[in-house]
Amino acid sequence: MLGYALMFLIIAIVAGVLGFFTLASLAASIAKILFVVFLALFVLSFIFGKRRV
């Protein structure tokens, strides 16, 4: 999932440089959403993954 977030971030940067500002803002917002989901899943797996004794 982090790979997808980085891919959309790169797409947003390239689209912004080329002047496609609508596409850049869409790709940047998708990258933000994916990154937040990745962080939430990472924290949850870190908390609940250590329960085995």
N, C-alpha and C. Protein backbone atom coordinates (compact mmCIF):
# COMPACT_ATOMS: atom_id res chain seq x y z
N MET A 1 0.83 -1.18 0.00
CA MET A 1 0.00 0.00 0.00
C MET A 1 0.87 1.25 0.00
N LEU A 2 1.99 1.16 0.69
CA LEU A 2 2.90 2.31 0.69
C LEU A 2 3.47 2.53 -0.71
N GLY A 3 3.65 1.46 -1.44
CA GLY A 3 4.13 1.58 -2.81
C GLY A 3 3.15 2.32 -3.71
N TYR A 4 1.85 2.05 -3.51
CA TYR A 4 0.83 2.77 -4.28
C TYR A 4 0.81 4.25 -3.90
N ALA A 5 0.98 4.54 -2.62
CA ALA A 5 1.00 5.94 -2.19
C ALA A 5 2.18 6.68 -2.81
N LEU A 6 3.33 6.04 -2.84
CA LEU A 6 4.50 6.66 -3.47
C LEU A 6 4.31 6.82 -4.98
N MET A 7 3.65 5.83 -5.60
CA MET A 7 3.40 5.94 -7.04
C MET A 7 2.49 7.12 -7.35
N PHE A 8 1.41 7.29 -6.56
CA PHE A 8 0.51 8.41 -6.80
C PHE A 8 1.20 9.74 -6.47
N LEU A 9 2.11 9.74 -5.51
CA LEU A 9 2.87 10.96 -5.21
C LEU A 9 3.75 11.35 -6.39
N ILE A 10 4.40 10.38 -6.99
CA ILE A 10 5.24 10.66 -8.16
C ILE A 10 4.39 11.13 -9.33
N ILE A 11 3.23 10.51 -9.52
CA ILE A 11 2.33 10.95 -10.59
C ILE A 11 1.89 12.39 -10.36
N ALA A 12 1.61 12.73 -9.09
CA ALA A 12 1.19 14.10 -8.77
C ALA A 12 2.30 15.09 -9.04
N ILE A 13 3.52 14.74 -8.71
CA ILE A 13 4.65 15.65 -8.95
C ILE A 13 4.87 15.86 -10.45
N VAL A 14 4.86 14.77 -11.21
CA VAL A 14 5.07 14.87 -12.66
C VAL A 14 3.93 15.65 -13.32
N ALA A 15 2.69 15.38 -12.90
CA ALA A 15 1.56 16.09 -13.48
C ALA A 15 1.60 17.57 -13.11
N GLY A 16 2.05 17.89 -11.92
CA GLY A 16 2.16 19.29 -11.53
C GLY A 16 3.22 20.03 -12.33
N VAL A 17 4.33 19.34 -12.60
CA VAL A 17 5.40 19.96 -13.39
C VAL A 17 4.94 20.18 -14.83
N LEU A 18 4.17 19.24 -15.36
CA LEU A 18 3.72 19.36 -16.75
C LEU A 18 2.52 20.28 -16.92
N GLY A 19 1.91 20.71 -15.82
CA GLY A 19 0.82 21.67 -15.91
C GLY A 19 -0.57 21.07 -15.80
N PHE A 20 -0.67 19.80 -15.53
CA PHE A 20 -1.97 19.16 -15.35
C PHE A 20 -2.36 19.28 -13.88
N PHE A 21 -2.83 20.45 -13.48
CA PHE A 21 -3.05 20.72 -12.07
C PHE A 21 -4.23 19.94 -11.49
N THR A 22 -5.25 19.68 -12.29
CA THR A 22 -6.39 18.90 -11.80
C THR A 22 -5.97 17.46 -11.53
N LEU A 23 -5.23 16.89 -12.44
CA LEU A 23 -4.73 15.53 -12.26
C LEU A 23 -3.75 15.48 -11.10
N ALA A 24 -2.95 16.50 -10.95
CA ALA A 24 -1.97 16.54 -9.85
C ALA A 24 -2.67 16.59 -8.50
N SER A 25 -3.71 17.40 -8.40
CA SER A 25 -4.41 17.48 -7.11
C SER A 25 -5.15 16.19 -6.80
N LEU A 26 -5.71 15.55 -7.81
CA LEU A 26 -6.38 14.27 -7.61
C LEU A 26 -5.39 13.20 -7.17
N ALA A 27 -4.25 13.11 -7.83
CA ALA A 27 -3.25 12.11 -7.47
C ALA A 27 -2.67 12.38 -6.09
N ALA A 28 -2.50 13.65 -5.75
CA ALA A 28 -1.98 13.98 -4.42
C ALA A 28 -2.97 13.62 -3.32
N SER A 29 -4.25 13.84 -3.57
CA SER A 29 -5.24 13.48 -2.55
C SER A 29 -5.35 11.96 -2.41
N ILE A 30 -5.24 11.22 -3.49
CA ILE A 30 -5.24 9.76 -3.41
C ILE A 30 -4.02 9.28 -2.65
N ALA A 31 -2.87 9.90 -2.90
CA ALA A 31 -1.65 9.52 -2.19
C ALA A 31 -1.78 9.79 -0.69
N LYS A 32 -2.40 10.91 -0.32
CA LYS A 32 -2.60 11.22 1.10
C LYS A 32 -3.50 10.19 1.77
N ILE A 33 -4.59 9.83 1.09
CA ILE A 33 -5.52 8.86 1.65
C ILE A 33 -4.84 7.50 1.84
N LEU A 34 -4.11 7.06 0.83
CA LEU A 34 -3.43 5.77 0.93
C LEU A 34 -2.38 5.78 2.02
N PHE A 35 -1.68 6.90 2.20
CA PHE A 35 -0.66 6.97 3.22
C PHE A 35 -1.28 6.92 4.61
N VAL A 36 -2.42 7.58 4.80
CA VAL A 36 -3.09 7.55 6.10
C VAL A 36 -3.61 6.14 6.40
N VAL A 37 -4.16 5.48 5.39
CA VAL A 37 -4.62 4.10 5.58
C VAL A 37 -3.44 3.20 5.92
N PHE A 38 -2.31 3.38 5.23
CA PHE A 38 -1.12 2.60 5.53
C PHE A 38 -0.66 2.82 6.96
N LEU A 39 -0.63 4.07 7.41
CA LEU A 39 -0.20 4.34 8.78
C LEU A 39 -1.15 3.71 9.80
N ALA A 40 -2.44 3.80 9.55
CA ALA A 40 -3.42 3.21 10.47
C ALA A 40 -3.24 1.69 10.55
N LEU A 41 -3.09 1.05 9.41
CA LEU A 41 -2.89 -0.40 9.41
C LEU A 41 -1.57 -0.79 10.05
N PHE A 42 -0.54 0.02 9.86
CA PHE A 42 0.75 -0.26 10.46
C PHE A 42 0.68 -0.18 11.98
N VAL A 43 0.02 0.85 12.48
CA VAL A 43 -0.11 1.01 13.93
C VAL A 43 -0.96 -0.12 14.52
N LEU A 44 -2.05 -0.47 13.85
CA LEU A 44 -2.89 -1.55 14.34
C LEU A 44 -2.15 -2.89 14.34
N SER A 45 -1.39 -3.17 13.30
CA SER A 45 -0.64 -4.42 13.28
C SER A 45 0.49 -4.41 14.30
N PHE A 46 1.04 -3.26 14.58
CA PHE A 46 2.09 -3.16 15.60
C PHE A 46 1.52 -3.41 16.99
N ILE A 47 0.33 -2.87 17.25
CA ILE A 47 -0.30 -3.02 18.57
C ILE A 47 -0.82 -4.44 18.75
N PHE A 48 -1.58 -4.95 17.80
CA PHE A 48 -2.22 -6.24 17.96
C PHE A 48 -1.32 -7.41 17.57
N GLY A 49 -0.22 -7.17 16.92
CA GLY A 49 0.69 -8.23 16.53
C GLY A 49 1.56 -8.71 17.67
N LYS A 50 1.71 -7.93 18.72
CA LYS A 50 2.57 -8.28 19.85
C LYS A 50 1.82 -9.01 20.95
N ARG A 51 0.58 -9.40 20.75
CA ARG A 51 -0.22 -10.02 21.79
C ARG A 51 0.17 -11.47 22.07
N ARG A 52 0.88 -12.12 21.18
CA ARG A 52 1.25 -13.53 21.40
C ARG A 52 2.33 -13.61 22.46
N VAL A 53 2.12 -14.57 23.36
CA VAL A 53 3.08 -14.73 24.47
C VAL A 53 3.72 -16.09 24.40
